[in-house]
């Protein structure tokens, strides 16, 4: 059974930074592509960033140059470094094993103006 536990969210002022972590279990982490998604109130969940097993990354245009996704296979953990945060980044952030049905509980990120 896949388990994903996100952490690192919080309240930050615009222009600030946060680093999200997601610990995964129940999978062979190193061979799986991982993604970070977010869902703002009243909006659909959107894909923010992905990282493949060989560390190729991709980002939604709105976060390019500000967010960085990375992974540590020894720790079964994927990260999302978020810099220059904007109020529109406010959302619940979820990590996800691409192609798998499981989701974690998410972590709230709130950016104040």
C-alpha atoms as a PDB file:
ATOM      1  CA  UNK A   1       0.000   0.000   0.000  1.00  0.00           C
ATOM      2  CA  UNK A   2       1.409   3.352  -1.052  1.00  0.00           C
ATOM      3  CA  UNK A   3       1.691   5.966   1.674  1.00  0.00           C
ATOM      4  CA  UNK A   4       2.673   9.581   1.067  1.00  0.00           C
ATOM      5  CA  UNK A   5       3.265  12.029   3.905  1.00  0.00           C
ATOM      6  CA  UNK A   6       3.730  15.687   3.000  1.00  0.00           C
ATOM      7  CA  UNK A   7       5.210  18.278   5.345  1.00  0.00           C
ATOM      8  CA  UNK A   8       6.785  21.701   5.360  1.00  0.00           C
ATOM      9  CA  UNK A   9       3.822  23.929   4.599  1.00  0.00           C
ATOM     10  CA  UNK A  10       2.993  27.050   6.535  1.00  0.00           C
ATOM     11  CA  UNK A  11       2.266  30.742   6.436  1.00  0.00           C
ATOM     12  CA  UNK A  12       4.798  32.969   4.712  1.00  0.00           C
ATOM     13  CA  UNK A  13       4.884  36.514   3.401  1.00  0.00           C
ATOM     14  CA  UNK A  14       5.047  37.217  -0.299  1.00  0.00           C
ATOM     15  CA  UNK A  15       8.618  36.896  -1.523  1.00  0.00           C
ATOM     16  CA  UNK A  16       9.442  34.284   1.079  1.00  0.00           C
ATOM     17  CA  UNK A  17      10.439  30.643   0.717  1.00  0.00           C
ATOM     18  CA  UNK A  18       9.281  27.238   1.876  1.00  0.00           C
ATOM     19  CA  UNK A  19      10.579  23.731   1.325  1.00  0.00           C
ATOM     20  CA  UNK A  20       8.046  20.940   1.116  1.00  0.00           C
ATOM     21  CA  UNK A  21       8.942  17.314   1.740  1.00  0.00           C
ATOM     22  CA  UNK A  22       7.097  14.118   0.881  1.00  0.00           C
ATOM     23  CA  UNK A  23       8.093  10.790   2.361  1.00  0.00           C
ATOM     24  CA  UNK A  24       6.919   7.786   0.366  1.00  0.00           C
ATOM     25  CA  UNK A  25       6.558   4.167   1.398  1.00  0.00           C
ATOM     26  CA  UNK A  26       5.059   1.036  -0.106  1.00  0.00           C
ATOM     27  CA  UNK A  27       6.739   1.558  -3.464  1.00  0.00           C
ATOM     28  CA  UNK A  28      10.144   1.098  -5.059  1.00  0.00           C
ATOM     29  CA  UNK A  29      10.690   4.825  -4.870  1.00  0.00           C
ATOM     30  CA  UNK A  30      13.746   5.084  -7.104  1.00  0.00           C
ATOM     31  CA  UNK A  31      12.005   3.792 -10.235  1.00  0.00           C
ATOM     32  CA  UNK A  32       8.917   5.988  -9.969  1.00  0.00           C
ATOM     33  CA  UNK A  33       8.300   9.413 -11.415  1.00  0.00           C
ATOM     34  CA  UNK A  34       6.959  11.785  -8.780  1.00  0.00           C
ATOM     35  CA  UNK A  35       4.934  14.954  -8.941  1.00  0.00           C
ATOM     36  CA  UNK A  36       3.761  17.849  -6.818  1.00  0.00           C
ATOM     37  CA  UNK A  37       0.217  19.090  -7.294  1.00  0.00           C
ATOM     38  CA  UNK A  38      -1.703  21.900  -5.658  1.00  0.00           C
ATOM     39  CA  UNK A  39      -5.339  22.772  -5.139  1.00  0.00           C
ATOM     40  CA  UNK A  40      -6.515  26.250  -4.276  1.00  0.00           C
ATOM     41  CA  UNK A  41      -9.981  26.897  -2.802  1.00  0.00           C
ATOM     42  CA  UNK A  42     -12.640  26.607  -5.473  1.00  0.00           C
ATOM     43  CA  UNK A  43     -10.172  25.449  -8.119  1.00  0.00           C
ATOM     44  CA  UNK A  44      -9.215  22.142  -9.651  1.00  0.00           C
ATOM     45  CA  UNK A  45      -6.074  20.344  -8.586  1.00  0.00           C
ATOM     46  CA  UNK A  46      -3.191  21.259 -10.898  1.00  0.00           C
ATOM     47  CA  UNK A  47       0.148  19.678 -11.620  1.00  0.00           C
ATOM     48  CA  UNK A  48       2.985  21.930 -10.473  1.00  0.00           C
ATOM     49  CA  UNK A  49       6.162  19.943 -11.081  1.00  0.00           C
ATOM     50  CA  UNK A  50       7.362  16.469 -11.966  1.00  0.00           C
ATOM     51  CA  UNK A  51      10.622  14.577 -11.650  1.00  0.00           C
ATOM     52  CA  UNK A  52      11.432  11.321 -13.396  1.00  0.00           C
ATOM     53  CA  UNK A  53      13.458   8.416 -12.044  1.00  0.00           C
ATOM     54  CA  UNK A  54      16.495   9.843 -13.867  1.00  0.00           C
ATOM     55  CA  UNK A  55      15.807  13.340 -12.416  1.00  0.00           C
ATOM     56  CA  UNK A  56      14.429  15.041 -15.488  1.00  0.00           C
ATOM     57  CA  UNK A  57      12.141  17.811 -14.301  1.00  0.00           C
ATOM     58  CA  UNK A  58       9.202  19.741 -15.670  1.00  0.00           C
ATOM     59  CA  UNK A  59       7.221  22.682 -14.296  1.00  0.00           C
ATOM     60  CA  UNK A  60       4.000  24.513 -14.927  1.00  0.00           C
ATOM     61  CA  UNK A  61       4.768  27.905 -16.450  1.00  0.00           C
ATOM     62  CA  UNK A  62       3.550  29.857 -13.421  1.00  0.00           C
ATOM     63  CA  UNK A  63       6.308  28.448 -11.168  1.00  0.00           C
ATOM     64  CA  UNK A  64       9.232  28.181 -13.588  1.00  0.00           C
ATOM     65  CA  UNK A  65      12.296  29.891 -12.189  1.00  0.00           C
ATOM     66  CA  UNK A  66      10.816  29.977  -8.669  1.00  0.00           C
ATOM     67  CA  UNK A  67      10.197  26.339  -7.702  1.00  0.00           C
ATOM     68  CA  UNK A  68      12.616  23.411  -7.797  1.00  0.00           C
ATOM     69  CA  UNK A  69      11.641  19.761  -7.481  1.00  0.00           C
ATOM     70  CA  UNK A  70      14.245  17.254  -6.344  1.00  0.00           C
ATOM     71  CA  UNK A  71      14.440  13.758  -4.918  1.00  0.00           C
ATOM     72  CA  UNK A  72      16.562  11.741  -2.496  1.00  0.00           C
ATOM     73  CA  UNK A  73      16.168   8.065  -3.330  1.00  0.00           C
ATOM     74  CA  UNK A  74      18.097   7.014  -0.224  1.00  0.00           C
ATOM     75  CA  UNK A  75      15.405   8.690   1.894  1.00  0.00           C
ATOM     76  CA  UNK A  76      12.430   7.851  -0.352  1.00  0.00           C
ATOM     77  CA  UNK A  77      11.662  11.550  -0.310  1.00  0.00           C
ATOM     78  CA  UNK A  78      10.735  14.150  -2.896  1.00  0.00           C
ATOM     79  CA  UNK A  79      11.105  17.872  -2.225  1.00  0.00           C
ATOM     80  CA  UNK A  80       9.687  21.097  -3.575  1.00  0.00           C
ATOM     81  CA  UNK A  81      11.765  24.201  -2.908  1.00  0.00           C
ATOM     82  CA  UNK A  82       9.532  27.239  -3.366  1.00  0.00           C
ATOM     83  CA  UNK A  83      11.132  30.685  -3.620  1.00  0.00           C
ATOM     84  CA  UNK A  84       9.715  34.128  -4.387  1.00  0.00           C
ATOM     85  CA  UNK A  85       6.316  32.965  -3.236  1.00  0.00           C
ATOM     86  CA  UNK A  86       3.231  34.858  -4.373  1.00  0.00           C
ATOM     87  CA  UNK A  87      -0.272  35.027  -2.869  1.00  0.00           C
ATOM     88  CA  UNK A  88      -1.531  33.041  -5.861  1.00  0.00           C
ATOM     89  CA  UNK A  89       0.655  30.123  -4.743  1.00  0.00           C
ATOM     90  CA  UNK A  90      -1.669  29.664  -1.768  1.00  0.00           C
ATOM     91  CA  UNK A  91      -3.063  26.128  -1.912  1.00  0.00           C
ATOM     92  CA  UNK A  92      -2.915  22.668  -0.415  1.00  0.00           C
ATOM     93  CA  UNK A  93       0.110  20.934  -1.920  1.00  0.00           C
ATOM     94  CA  UNK A  94       0.132  17.185  -2.568  1.00  0.00           C
ATOM     95  CA  UNK A  95       2.806  14.838  -3.765  1.00  0.00           C
ATOM     96  CA  UNK A  96       1.903  11.953  -6.021  1.00  0.00           C
ATOM     97  CA  UNK A  97       3.407   8.861  -7.546  1.00  0.00           C
ATOM     98  CA  UNK A  98       2.692   9.370 -11.224  1.00  0.00           C
ATOM     99  CA  UNK A  99       0.438   6.605 -12.499  1.00  0.00           C
ATOM    100  CA  UNK A 100      -0.654   5.549  -9.004  1.00  0.00           C
ATOM    101  CA  UNK A 101      -4.055   6.183  -7.433  1.00  0.00           C
ATOM    102  CA  UNK A 102      -2.858   7.092  -3.943  1.00  0.00           C
ATOM    103  CA  UNK A 103      -2.659  10.616  -2.501  1.00  0.00           C
ATOM    104  CA  UNK A 104      -1.338  11.968   0.747  1.00  0.00           C
ATOM    105  CA  UNK A 105      -3.162  14.324   3.077  1.00  0.00           C
ATOM    106  CA  UNK A 106      -1.463  17.390   1.634  1.00  0.00           C
ATOM    107  CA  UNK A 107       0.212  20.336   3.313  1.00  0.00           C
ATOM    108  CA  UNK A 108      -1.231  23.855   3.414  1.00  0.00           C
ATOM    109  CA  UNK A 109       0.789  26.726   1.979  1.00  0.00           C
ATOM    110  CA  UNK A 110      -0.518  30.219   2.634  1.00  0.00           C
ATOM    111  CA  UNK A 111       1.224  33.265   1.192  1.00  0.00           C
ATOM    112  CA  UNK A 112       0.183  36.628   2.572  1.00  0.00           C
ATOM    113  CA  UNK A 113       0.497  39.849   0.606  1.00  0.00           C
END
